[in-house]
Amino acid sequence: MRRKLVFNGWGSKDLLEFLASIGKETAEQLSQQEVIGIISKYCADYNLFDPEKRNRILCDAKLRALFRRKWINKNGIRTHVEKHFAENQLDDGGDDDDDDDAMEIGELVNQGLEVGEGSGENFVVSGEKRKRILRPEADCQKKGKGVVVVHKGLFASVTAENIKRVYLRKSVLYALMKEPESFDVKVVGCFVRVKTDPSDYSRTTSHLLALVTGVKRSPENAEMRDSVLLEVPCVLKDVPISEVSDENFTEDECEDLRQRVKDGMLKRPLVADFQEKAQSLHEVITRDSS
């Protein structure tokens, strides 16, 4: 389980100590954008960018103490900073009798607790601030030591551990084609890895993770494998299965997906979305990876 953050006023103890160590005043709250700017400048001043991958920041001792990572993606600074602000934590409230339990569960979820619902599939729940109070009786239920059942209406974090459960390599897609009656239902809502447009100079990776939103069939190639075309909104044309990657995605590609979700370019996934898909795909994905 991830380390629990301790808050002192508007920010986490780790964030305030980092800012103080580089001479920044923390008596008055800084905005998230200000903190992101401070960290970006710190990385530039101390030349912390990976010389081989310029979009990657190699954390020194101070940043490791803050982020607990050896490196982070440059585009992911905002994601890592947000959880260090008290205003982004789940609200408590309501009856005094319920507050302690509600906050306890809320903090576990906010720290990225892996949760499941008895199927053996675990999901990391997002720490995004909710509009409603997280109640153990409504949203979570303790079920034995170390197991927490979480309401399916919560957002699921876009993490590599979550995505790999609904990630379809080319070989998996070909295997699913052997059951055409269930192919569309199983594939739509999953992620595939496709090549980026070489003319799009804003892309920092050669491939990207794409959400499959629909399936088409080409009448000209009805008897061929490439009769099936995947609709993915982030590329200009429908993608035949032969052009889907058969390799695993990278951390940078997952970080890029996370940023696109955060920017509103993709719908935030729910625990229910991941759970339903993972259960239907578990056998074929496990068989393909063995």
C-alpha atoms as a PDB file:
ATOM      1  CA  MET A   1       0.000   0.000   0.000  1.00  0.00           C
ATOM      2  CA  ARG A   2       1.206   3.482  -0.763  1.00  0.00           C
ATOM      3  CA  ARG A   3       2.565   5.722   1.968  1.00  0.00           C
ATOM      4  CA  LYS A   4      -0.076   7.881   3.633  1.00  0.00           C
ATOM      5  CA  LEU A   5       0.427  11.618   3.202  1.00  0.00           C
ATOM      6  CA  VAL A   6       0.384  13.836   6.281  1.00  0.00           C
ATOM      7  CA  PHE A   7      -1.027  17.342   5.815  1.00  0.00           C
ATOM      8  CA  ASN A   8       0.012  20.500   7.613  1.00  0.00           C
ATOM      9  CA  GLY A   9      -2.360  23.267   6.637  1.00  0.00           C
ATOM     10  CA  TRP A  10      -2.830  23.727   2.895  1.00  0.00           C
ATOM     11  CA  GLY A  11      -0.186  21.235   1.766  1.00  0.00           C
ATOM     12  CA  SER A  12       1.369  17.918   2.594  1.00  0.00           C
ATOM     13  CA  LYS A  13       4.311  17.793   4.983  1.00  0.00           C
ATOM     14  CA  ASP A  14       6.488  16.490   2.128  1.00  0.00           C
ATOM     15  CA  LEU A  15       5.571  19.368  -0.171  1.00  0.00           C
ATOM     16  CA  LEU A  16       6.080  22.037   2.466  1.00  0.00           C
ATOM     17  CA  GLU A  17       9.475  20.578   3.406  1.00  0.00           C
ATOM     18  CA  PHE A  18      10.546  20.510  -0.235  1.00  0.00           C
ATOM     19  CA  LEU A  19       9.528  24.152  -0.773  1.00  0.00           C
ATOM     20  CA  ALA A  20      11.274  25.243   2.431  1.00  0.00           C
ATOM     21  CA  SER A  21      14.447  23.399   1.426  1.00  0.00           C
ATOM     22  CA  ILE A  22      14.741  25.515  -1.732  1.00  0.00           C
ATOM     23  CA  GLY A  23      13.975  28.784   0.059  1.00  0.00           C
ATOM     24  CA  LYS A  24      10.270  29.211  -0.691  1.00  0.00           C
ATOM     25  CA  GLU A  25       7.855  30.712   1.832  1.00  0.00           C
ATOM     26  CA  THR A  26       4.924  28.467   2.739  1.00  0.00           C
ATOM     27  CA  ALA A  27       3.113  30.515   5.379  1.00  0.00           C
ATOM     28  CA  GLU A  28       0.582  31.582   2.742  1.00  0.00           C
ATOM     29  CA  GLN A  29      -0.875  29.050   0.340  1.00  0.00           C
ATOM     30  CA  LEU A  30       0.645  28.778  -3.106  1.00  0.00           C
ATOM     31  CA  SER A  31      -1.533  27.824  -6.046  1.00  0.00           C
ATOM     32  CA  GLN A  32      -1.024  24.478  -7.744  1.00  0.00           C
ATOM     33  CA  GLN A  33       0.152  26.289 -10.868  1.00  0.00           C
ATOM     34  CA  GLU A  34       2.756  28.176  -8.826  1.00  0.00           C
ATOM     35  CA  VAL A  35       4.069  24.950  -7.315  1.00  0.00           C
ATOM     36  CA  ILE A  36       4.237  23.297 -10.749  1.00  0.00           C
ATOM     37  CA  GLY A  37       6.203  26.301 -12.014  1.00  0.00           C
ATOM     38  CA  ILE A  38       8.591  26.139  -9.035  1.00  0.00           C
ATOM     39  CA  ILE A  39       9.242  22.424  -9.583  1.00  0.00           C
ATOM     40  CA  SER A  40       9.721  22.890 -13.343  1.00  0.00           C
ATOM     41  CA  LYS A  41      12.229  25.686 -12.753  1.00  0.00           C
ATOM     42  CA  TYR A  42      14.010  23.595 -10.107  1.00  0.00           C
ATOM     43  CA  CYS A  43      14.378  20.748 -12.612  1.00  0.00           C
ATOM     44  CA  ALA A  44      15.741  23.120 -15.252  1.00  0.00           C
ATOM     45  CA  ASP A  45      18.128  24.856 -12.823  1.00  0.00           C
ATOM     46  CA  TYR A  46      19.594  21.543 -11.665  1.00  0.00           C
ATOM     47  CA  ASN A  47      19.544  19.894 -15.097  1.00  0.00           C
ATOM     48  CA  LEU A  48      17.354  16.992 -14.016  1.00  0.00           C
ATOM     49  CA  PHE A  49      15.973  16.183 -17.455  1.00  0.00           C
ATOM     50  CA  ASP A  50      16.969  12.797 -18.842  1.00  0.00           C
ATOM     51  CA  PRO A  51      19.470  13.474 -21.681  1.00  0.00           C
ATOM     52  CA  GLU A  52      18.056  10.550 -23.673  1.00  0.00           C
ATOM     53  CA  LYS A  53      14.361  11.184 -22.968  1.00  0.00           C
ATOM     54  CA  ARG A  54      13.844  14.911 -22.564  1.00  0.00           C
ATOM     55  CA  ASN A  55      10.252  14.501 -21.416  1.00  0.00           C
ATOM     56  CA  ARG A  56      11.458  12.524 -18.388  1.00  0.00           C
ATOM     57  CA  ILE A  57      12.676  14.075 -15.127  1.00  0.00           C
ATOM     58  CA  LEU A  58      15.287  12.176 -13.101  1.00  0.00           C
ATOM     59  CA  CYS A  59      14.441  12.871  -9.469  1.00  0.00           C
ATOM     60  CA  ASP A  60      17.256  13.958  -7.172  1.00  0.00           C
ATOM     61  CA  ALA A  61      17.136  13.347  -3.415  1.00  0.00           C
ATOM     62  CA  LYS A  62      14.728  16.221  -2.772  1.00  0.00           C
ATOM     63  CA  LEU A  63      12.274  15.206  -5.489  1.00  0.00           C
ATOM     64  CA  ARG A  64      12.471  11.542  -4.464  1.00  0.00           C
ATOM     65  CA  ALA A  65      11.495  12.580  -0.940  1.00  0.00           C
ATOM     66  CA  LEU A  66       8.528  14.460  -2.403  1.00  0.00           C
ATOM     67  CA  PHE A  67       7.291  12.087  -5.117  1.00  0.00           C
ATOM     68  CA  ARG A  68       8.762   8.756  -3.898  1.00  0.00           C
ATOM     69  CA  ARG A  69       9.839   7.983  -7.459  1.00  0.00           C
ATOM     70  CA  LYS A  70      13.153   7.719  -9.271  1.00  0.00           C
ATOM     71  CA  TRP A  71      11.726   9.572 -12.258  1.00  0.00           C
ATOM     72  CA  ILE A  72       8.520  11.227 -13.414  1.00  0.00           C
ATOM     73  CA  ASN A  73       7.194  12.312 -16.781  1.00  0.00           C
ATOM     74  CA  LYS A  74       7.475  16.048 -17.432  1.00  0.00           C
ATOM     75  CA  ASN A  75       3.816  16.133 -18.479  1.00  0.00           C
ATOM     76  CA  GLY A  76       2.873  14.355 -15.269  1.00  0.00           C
ATOM     77  CA  ILE A  77       4.122  16.969 -12.784  1.00  0.00           C
ATOM     78  CA  ARG A  78       0.576  18.290 -12.332  1.00  0.00           C
ATOM     79  CA  THR A  79      -0.757  14.825 -11.518  1.00  0.00           C
ATOM     80  CA  HIS A  80       1.906  14.260  -8.857  1.00  0.00           C
ATOM     81  CA  VAL A  81       1.515  17.750  -7.353  1.00  0.00           C
ATOM     82  CA  GLU A  82      -2.278  17.698  -7.019  1.00  0.00           C
ATOM     83  CA  LYS A  83      -2.372  14.998  -4.364  1.00  0.00           C
ATOM     84  CA  HIS A  84      -0.118  17.131  -2.121  1.00  0.00           C
ATOM     85  CA  PHE A  85      -2.829  19.820  -1.786  1.00  0.00           C
ATOM     86  CA  ALA A  86      -5.293  19.459   1.090  1.00  0.00           C
ATOM     87  CA  GLU A  87      -8.080  20.950  -1.039  1.00  0.00           C
ATOM     88  CA  ASN A  88      -7.907  17.933  -3.355  1.00  0.00           C
ATOM     89  CA  GLN A  89      -8.502  15.388  -0.623  1.00  0.00           C
ATOM     90  CA  LEU A  90     -11.845  13.685  -0.161  1.00  0.00           C
ATOM     91  CA  ASP A  91     -14.197  15.700   2.035  1.00  0.00           C
ATOM     92  CA  ASP A  92     -15.377  14.456   5.358  1.00  0.00           C
ATOM     93  CA  GLY A  93     -18.544  15.653   7.005  1.00  0.00           C
ATOM     94  CA  GLY A  94     -21.971  14.587   8.207  1.00  0.00           C
ATOM     95  CA  ASP A  95     -22.724  12.915  11.516  1.00  0.00           C
ATOM     96  CA  ASP A  96     -19.989  12.663  14.092  1.00  0.00           C
ATOM     97  CA  ASP A  97     -20.696   8.955  14.467  1.00  0.00           C
ATOM     98  CA  ASP A  98     -19.844   8.381  10.808  1.00  0.00           C
ATOM     99  CA  ASP A  99     -17.005  10.836  10.272  1.00  0.00           C
ATOM    100  CA  ASP A 100     -14.152   8.727  11.585  1.00  0.00           C
ATOM    101  CA  ASP A 101     -14.991   5.692   9.445  1.00  0.00           C
ATOM    102  CA  ALA A 102     -15.806   7.818   6.401  1.00  0.00           C
ATOM    103  CA  MET A 103     -12.470   9.608   6.626  1.00  0.00           C
ATOM    104  CA  GLU A 104     -10.563   6.408   7.234  1.00  0.00           C
ATOM    105  CA  ILE A 105     -11.939   4.790   4.077  1.00  0.00           C
ATOM    106  CA  GLY A 106     -11.653   8.063   2.171  1.00  0.00           C
ATOM    107  CA  GLU A 107      -7.986   8.404   2.999  1.00  0.00           C
ATOM    108  CA  LEU A 108      -7.291   4.824   1.913  1.00  0.00           C
ATOM    109  CA  VAL A 109      -8.967   5.421  -1.430  1.00  0.00           C
ATOM    110  CA  ASN A 110      -7.240   8.765  -1.822  1.00  0.00           C
ATOM    111  CA  GLN A 111      -3.853   7.152  -1.314  1.00  0.00           C
ATOM    112  CA  GLY A 112      -4.458   4.774  -4.221  1.00  0.00           C
ATOM    113  CA  LEU A 113      -5.568   1.670  -2.345  1.00  0.00           C
ATOM    114  CA  GLU A 114      -5.935  -1.345  -4.628  1.00  0.00           C
ATOM    115  CA  VAL A 115      -9.493  -2.563  -4.176  1.00  0.00           C
ATOM    116  CA  GLY A 116     -11.527  -5.398  -5.580  1.00  0.00           C
ATOM    117  CA  GLU A 117     -14.844  -7.173  -5.432  1.00  0.00           C
ATOM    118  CA  GLY A 118     -14.039 -10.796  -4.817  1.00  0.00           C
ATOM    119  CA  SER A 119     -13.072 -11.633  -8.411  1.00  0.00           C
ATOM    120  CA  GLY A 120      -9.334 -11.460  -7.876  1.00  0.00           C
ATOM    121  CA  GLU A 121      -9.166  -8.338 -10.043  1.00  0.00           C
ATOM    122  CA  ASN A 122      -7.873  -5.265  -8.216  1.00  0.00           C
ATOM    123  CA  PHE A 123      -8.364  -1.635  -9.199  1.00  0.00           C
ATOM    124  CA  VAL A 124      -6.736   1.567  -8.021  1.00  0.00           C
ATOM    125  CA  VAL A 125      -9.335   4.204  -7.260  1.00  0.00           C
ATOM    126  CA  SER A 126      -8.653   7.814  -8.157  1.00  0.00           C
ATOM    127  CA  GLY A 127      -7.960  10.341  -5.425  1.00  0.00           C
ATOM    128  CA  GLU A 128      -9.930  12.994  -7.264  1.00  0.00           C
ATOM    129  CA  LYS A 129     -12.106  15.079  -4.970  1.00  0.00           C
ATOM    130  CA  ARG A 130     -15.673  13.800  -5.023  1.00  0.00           C
ATOM    131  CA  LYS A 131     -18.796  15.954  -5.010  1.00  0.00           C
ATOM    132  CA  ARG A 132     -20.392  13.703  -2.437  1.00  0.00           C
ATOM    133  CA  ILE A 133     -19.023  12.381   0.851  1.00  0.00           C
ATOM    134  CA  LEU A 134     -17.508   8.918   0.718  1.00  0.00           C
ATOM    135  CA  ARG A 135     -19.440   6.737   3.145  1.00  0.00           C
ATOM    136  CA  PRO A 136     -18.320   3.225   4.091  1.00  0.00           C
ATOM    137  CA  GLU A 137     -21.888   1.945   4.093  1.00  0.00           C
ATOM    138  CA  ALA A 138     -22.641   3.458   0.670  1.00  0.00           C
ATOM    139  CA  ASP A 139     -19.361   3.349  -1.227  1.00  0.00           C
ATOM    140  CA  CYS A 140     -17.032   0.974   0.592  1.00  0.00           C
ATOM    141  CA  GLN A 141     -17.314  -2.134   2.674  1.00  0.00           C
ATOM    142  CA  LYS A 142     -14.573  -3.803   4.662  1.00  0.00           C
ATOM    143  CA  LYS A 143     -14.486  -7.470   3.809  1.00  0.00           C
ATOM    144  CA  GLY A 144     -11.838  -9.313   5.757  1.00  0.00           C
ATOM    145  CA  LYS A 145      -8.301  -8.238   6.487  1.00  0.00           C
ATOM    146  CA  GLY A 146      -6.904  -5.840   3.905  1.00  0.00           C
ATOM    147  CA  VAL A 147      -9.842  -6.201   1.488  1.00  0.00           C
ATOM    148  CA  VAL A 148     -12.134  -3.274   0.729  1.00  0.00           C
ATOM    149  CA  VAL A 149     -15.071  -3.370  -1.666  1.00  0.00           C
ATOM    150  CA  VAL A 150     -15.523  -0.030  -3.417  1.00  0.00           C
ATOM    151  CA  HIS A 151     -18.666   1.313  -5.070  1.00  0.00           C
ATOM    152  CA  LYS A 152     -18.458   0.867  -8.835  1.00  0.00           C
ATOM    153  CA  GLY A 153     -19.479   4.480  -9.458  1.00  0.00           C
ATOM    154  CA  LEU A 154     -16.064   5.764  -8.366  1.00  0.00           C
ATOM    155  CA  PHE A 155     -13.476   6.779 -10.920  1.00  0.00           C
ATOM    156  CA  ALA A 156     -10.657   4.333 -11.581  1.00  0.00           C
ATOM    157  CA  SER A 157      -7.138   5.729 -11.813  1.00  0.00           C
ATOM    158  CA  VAL A 158      -5.394   5.594 -15.158  1.00  0.00           C
ATOM    159  CA  THR A 159      -2.457   3.479 -14.016  1.00  0.00           C
ATOM    160  CA  ALA A 160      -0.447   0.809 -15.797  1.00  0.00           C
ATOM    161  CA  GLU A 161      -1.805  -1.827 -13.403  1.00  0.00           C
ATOM    162  CA  ASN A 162      -5.377  -0.903 -14.310  1.00  0.00           C
ATOM    163  CA  ILE A 163      -4.862  -0.424 -18.037  1.00  0.00           C
ATOM    164  CA  LYS A 164      -3.070  -3.728 -18.581  1.00  0.00           C
ATOM    165  CA  ARG A 165      -6.228  -5.564 -17.495  1.00  0.00           C
ATOM    166  CA  VAL A 166      -8.163  -4.058 -20.396  1.00  0.00           C
ATOM    167  CA  TYR A 167      -5.276  -3.742 -22.867  1.00  0.00           C
ATOM    168  CA  LEU A 168      -5.544  -5.749 -26.089  1.00  0.00           C
ATOM    169  CA  ARG A 169      -2.476  -6.697 -28.077  1.00  0.00           C
ATOM    170  CA  LYS A 170      -2.870  -7.719 -31.706  1.00  0.00           C
ATOM    171  CA  SER A 171      -2.620 -11.407 -30.834  1.00  0.00           C
ATOM    172  CA  VAL A 172      -5.440 -11.058 -28.303  1.00  0.00           C
ATOM    173  CA  LEU A 173      -7.634  -9.353 -30.895  1.00  0.00           C
ATOM    174  CA  TYR A 174      -7.055 -12.184 -33.352  1.00  0.00           C
ATOM    175  CA  ALA A 175      -7.949 -14.677 -30.628  1.00  0.00           C
ATOM    176  CA  LEU A 176     -11.169 -12.801 -29.880  1.00  0.00           C
ATOM    177  CA  MET A 177     -12.117 -12.882 -33.566  1.00  0.00           C
ATOM    178  CA  LYS A 178     -12.681 -16.631 -33.183  1.00  0.00           C
ATOM    179  CA  GLU A 179     -15.841 -15.721 -31.246  1.00  0.00           C
ATOM    180  CA  PRO A 180     -17.436 -13.142 -33.584  1.00  0.00           C
ATOM    181  CA  GLU A 181     -20.734 -13.001 -31.682  1.00  0.00           C
ATOM    182  CA  SER A 182     -19.018 -11.502 -28.616  1.00  0.00           C
ATOM    183  CA  PHE A 183     -16.129  -9.682 -30.319  1.00  0.00           C
ATOM    184  CA  ASP A 184     -17.666  -6.192 -30.412  1.00  0.00           C
ATOM    185  CA  VAL A 185     -18.895  -6.261 -26.823  1.00  0.00           C
ATOM    186  CA  LYS A 186     -15.531  -7.383 -25.472  1.00  0.00           C
ATOM    187  CA  VAL A 187     -13.374  -5.021 -27.546  1.00  0.00           C
ATOM    188  CA  VAL A 188     -15.269  -1.722 -27.316  1.00  0.00           C
ATOM    189  CA  GLY A 189     -14.117   0.111 -24.203  1.00  0.00           C
ATOM    190  CA  CYS A 190     -10.661  -1.505 -24.159  1.00  0.00           C
ATOM    191  CA  PHE A 191      -7.302   0.046 -25.020  1.00  0.00           C
ATOM    192  CA  VAL A 192      -4.966  -0.717 -27.921  1.00  0.00           C
ATOM    193  CA  ARG A 193      -1.526   0.597 -28.847  1.00  0.00           C
ATOM    194  CA  VAL A 194      -1.268   2.284 -32.251  1.00  0.00           C
ATOM    195  CA  LYS A 195       1.343   4.335 -34.093  1.00  0.00           C
ATOM    196  CA  THR A 196       1.137   8.102 -33.826  1.00  0.00           C
ATOM    197  CA  ASP A 197       0.800  10.337 -36.855  1.00  0.00           C
ATOM    198  CA  PRO A 198       4.408  11.139 -37.930  1.00  0.00           C
ATOM    199  CA  SER A 199       3.317  14.629 -38.997  1.00  0.00           C
ATOM    200  CA  ASP A 200       2.043  15.400 -35.483  1.00  0.00           C
ATOM    201  CA  TYR A 201       5.107  17.042 -33.976  1.00  0.00           C
ATOM    202  CA  SER A 202       3.343  17.558 -30.638  1.00  0.00           C
ATOM    203  CA  ARG A 203       3.636  13.833 -29.903  1.00  0.00           C
ATOM    204  CA  THR A 204       6.600  12.753 -27.799  1.00  0.00           C
ATOM    205  CA  THR A 205       6.119   9.001 -28.285  1.00  0.00           C
ATOM    206  CA  SER A 206       6.071   6.800 -31.396  1.00  0.00           C
ATOM    207  CA  HIS A 207       2.909   5.030 -30.204  1.00  0.00           C
ATOM    208  CA  LEU A 208      -0.058   5.948 -28.074  1.00  0.00           C
ATOM    209  CA  LEU A 209      -2.685   4.122 -26.064  1.00  0.00           C
ATOM    210  CA  ALA A 210      -6.073   4.507 -27.721  1.00  0.00           C
ATOM    211  CA  LEU A 211      -9.567   3.723 -26.480  1.00  0.00           C
ATOM    212  CA  VAL A 212     -11.632   1.578 -28.843  1.00  0.00           C
ATOM    213  CA  THR A 213     -15.026   3.280 -29.229  1.00  0.00           C
ATOM    214  CA  GLY A 214     -16.497   1.160 -32.020  1.00  0.00           C
ATOM    215  CA  VAL A 215     -16.004  -1.678 -34.504  1.00  0.00           C
ATOM    216  CA  LYS A 216     -16.603  -1.626 -38.264  1.00  0.00           C
ATOM    217  CA  ARG A 217     -16.396  -4.328 -40.897  1.00  0.00           C
ATOM    218  CA  SER A 218     -15.117  -3.777 -44.392  1.00  0.00           C
ATOM    219  CA  PRO A 219     -17.350  -5.478 -47.014  1.00  0.00           C
ATOM    220  CA  GLU A 220     -14.460  -5.656 -49.501  1.00  0.00           C
ATOM    221  CA  ASN A 221     -12.377  -7.841 -47.163  1.00  0.00           C
ATOM    222  CA  ALA A 222     -15.164  -9.807 -45.512  1.00  0.00           C
ATOM    223  CA  GLU A 223     -13.207 -13.061 -45.554  1.00  0.00           C
ATOM    224  CA  MET A 224      -9.907 -11.574 -44.408  1.00  0.00           C
ATOM    225  CA  ARG A 225      -8.554 -10.765 -40.949  1.00  0.00           C
ATOM    226  CA  ASP A 226      -8.419  -7.076 -41.786  1.00  0.00           C
ATOM    227  CA  SER A 227     -12.157  -6.966 -42.467  1.00  0.00           C
ATOM    228  CA  VAL A 228     -12.456  -5.694 -38.881  1.00  0.00           C
ATOM    229  CA  LEU A 229     -11.630  -2.028 -38.325  1.00  0.00           C
ATOM    230  CA  LEU A 230     -11.344  -0.396 -34.904  1.00  0.00           C
ATOM    231  CA  GLU A 231     -12.680   3.088 -34.295  1.00  0.00           C
ATOM    232  CA  VAL A 232     -10.246   5.064 -32.158  1.00  0.00           C
ATOM    233  CA  PRO A 233     -10.916   8.803 -31.795  1.00  0.00           C
ATOM    234  CA  CYS A 234      -7.283   9.878 -31.455  1.00  0.00           C
ATOM    235  CA  VAL A 235      -6.245   8.850 -34.983  1.00  0.00           C
ATOM    236  CA  LEU A 236      -7.575  10.113 -38.302  1.00  0.00           C
ATOM    237  CA  LYS A 237      -8.660   6.778 -39.763  1.00  0.00           C
ATOM    238  CA  ASP A 238     -10.117   3.502 -38.580  1.00  0.00           C
ATOM    239  CA  VAL A 239      -7.401   1.019 -37.616  1.00  0.00           C
ATOM    240  CA  PRO A 240      -7.206  -2.538 -39.013  1.00  0.00           C
ATOM    241  CA  ILE A 241      -6.118  -5.134 -36.484  1.00  0.00           C
ATOM    242  CA  SER A 242      -2.898  -5.761 -38.415  1.00  0.00           C
ATOM    243  CA  GLU A 243      -1.778  -2.215 -37.503  1.00  0.00           C
ATOM    244  CA  VAL A 244      -2.365  -2.682 -33.768  1.00  0.00           C
ATOM    245  CA  SER A 245       0.812  -3.215 -31.750  1.00  0.00           C
ATOM    246  CA  ASP A 246       1.589  -6.655 -30.369  1.00  0.00           C
ATOM    247  CA  GLU A 247       3.971  -5.215 -27.759  1.00  0.00           C
ATOM    248  CA  ASN A 248       3.316  -4.004 -24.234  1.00  0.00           C
ATOM    249  CA  PHE A 249       2.784  -0.282 -23.722  1.00  0.00           C
ATOM    250  CA  THR A 250       5.396   1.879 -22.002  1.00  0.00           C
ATOM    251  CA  GLU A 251       5.164   3.993 -18.864  1.00  0.00           C
ATOM    252  CA  ASP A 252       5.508   7.141 -20.979  1.00  0.00           C
ATOM    253  CA  GLU A 253       2.564   6.072 -23.124  1.00  0.00           C
ATOM    254  CA  CYS A 254       0.496   5.423 -20.004  1.00  0.00           C
ATOM    255  CA  GLU A 255       1.445   8.854 -18.674  1.00  0.00           C
ATOM    256  CA  ASP A 256       0.378  10.395 -21.995  1.00  0.00           C
ATOM    257  CA  LEU A 257      -2.994   8.625 -21.722  1.00  0.00           C
ATOM    258  CA  ARG A 258      -3.384   9.839 -18.147  1.00  0.00           C
ATOM    259  CA  GLN A 259      -2.768  13.414 -19.278  1.00  0.00           C
ATOM    260  CA  ARG A 260      -5.306  13.144 -22.120  1.00  0.00           C
ATOM    261  CA  VAL A 261      -7.916  11.915 -19.653  1.00  0.00           C
ATOM    262  CA  LYS A 262      -7.042  14.752 -17.293  1.00  0.00           C
ATOM    263  CA  ASP A 263      -7.342  17.282 -20.131  1.00  0.00           C
ATOM    264  CA  GLY A 264     -10.834  16.035 -20.927  1.00  0.00           C
ATOM    265  CA  MET A 265      -9.879  14.448 -24.247  1.00  0.00           C
ATOM    266  CA  LEU A 266     -11.105  11.047 -23.011  1.00  0.00           C
ATOM    267  CA  LYS A 267     -13.888  10.142 -20.613  1.00  0.00           C
ATOM    268  CA  ARG A 268     -12.719   9.237 -17.136  1.00  0.00           C
ATOM    269  CA  PRO A 269     -13.127   5.470 -16.634  1.00  0.00           C
ATOM    270  CA  LEU A 270     -15.224   4.084 -13.815  1.00  0.00           C
ATOM    271  CA  VAL A 271     -14.336   1.133 -11.614  1.00  0.00           C
ATOM    272  CA  ALA A 272     -17.356  -0.610 -13.151  1.00  0.00           C
ATOM    273  CA  ASP A 273     -15.959  -0.105 -16.662  1.00  0.00           C
ATOM    274  CA  PHE A 274     -12.645  -1.719 -15.793  1.00  0.00           C
ATOM    275  CA  GLN A 275     -14.141  -4.463 -13.685  1.00  0.00           C
ATOM    276  CA  GLU A 276     -16.672  -5.679 -16.253  1.00  0.00           C
ATOM    277  CA  LYS A 277     -14.142  -5.676 -19.090  1.00  0.00           C
ATOM    278  CA  ALA A 278     -11.380  -7.283 -17.035  1.00  0.00           C
ATOM    279  CA  GLN A 279     -13.644 -10.135 -15.988  1.00  0.00           C
ATOM    280  CA  SER A 280     -14.684 -10.879 -19.575  1.00  0.00           C
ATOM    281  CA  LEU A 281     -11.095 -10.682 -20.894  1.00  0.00           C
ATOM    282  CA  HIS A 282      -9.151 -12.261 -18.034  1.00  0.00           C
ATOM    283  CA  GLU A 283      -8.939 -15.740 -19.545  1.00  0.00           C
ATOM    284  CA  VAL A 284      -7.860 -14.746 -23.058  1.00  0.00           C
ATOM    285  CA  ILE A 285      -5.333 -12.128 -21.849  1.00  0.00           C
ATOM    286  CA  THR A 286      -3.817 -14.582 -19.347  1.00  0.00           C
ATOM    287  CA  ARG A 287      -3.586 -17.272 -22.011  1.00  0.00           C
ATOM    288  CA  ASP A 288      -1.921 -14.887 -24.459  1.00  0.00           C
ATOM    289  CA  SER A 289       0.701 -13.726 -21.941  1.00  0.00           C
ATOM    290  CA  SER A 290       1.633 -17.235 -20.777  1.00  0.00           C
END
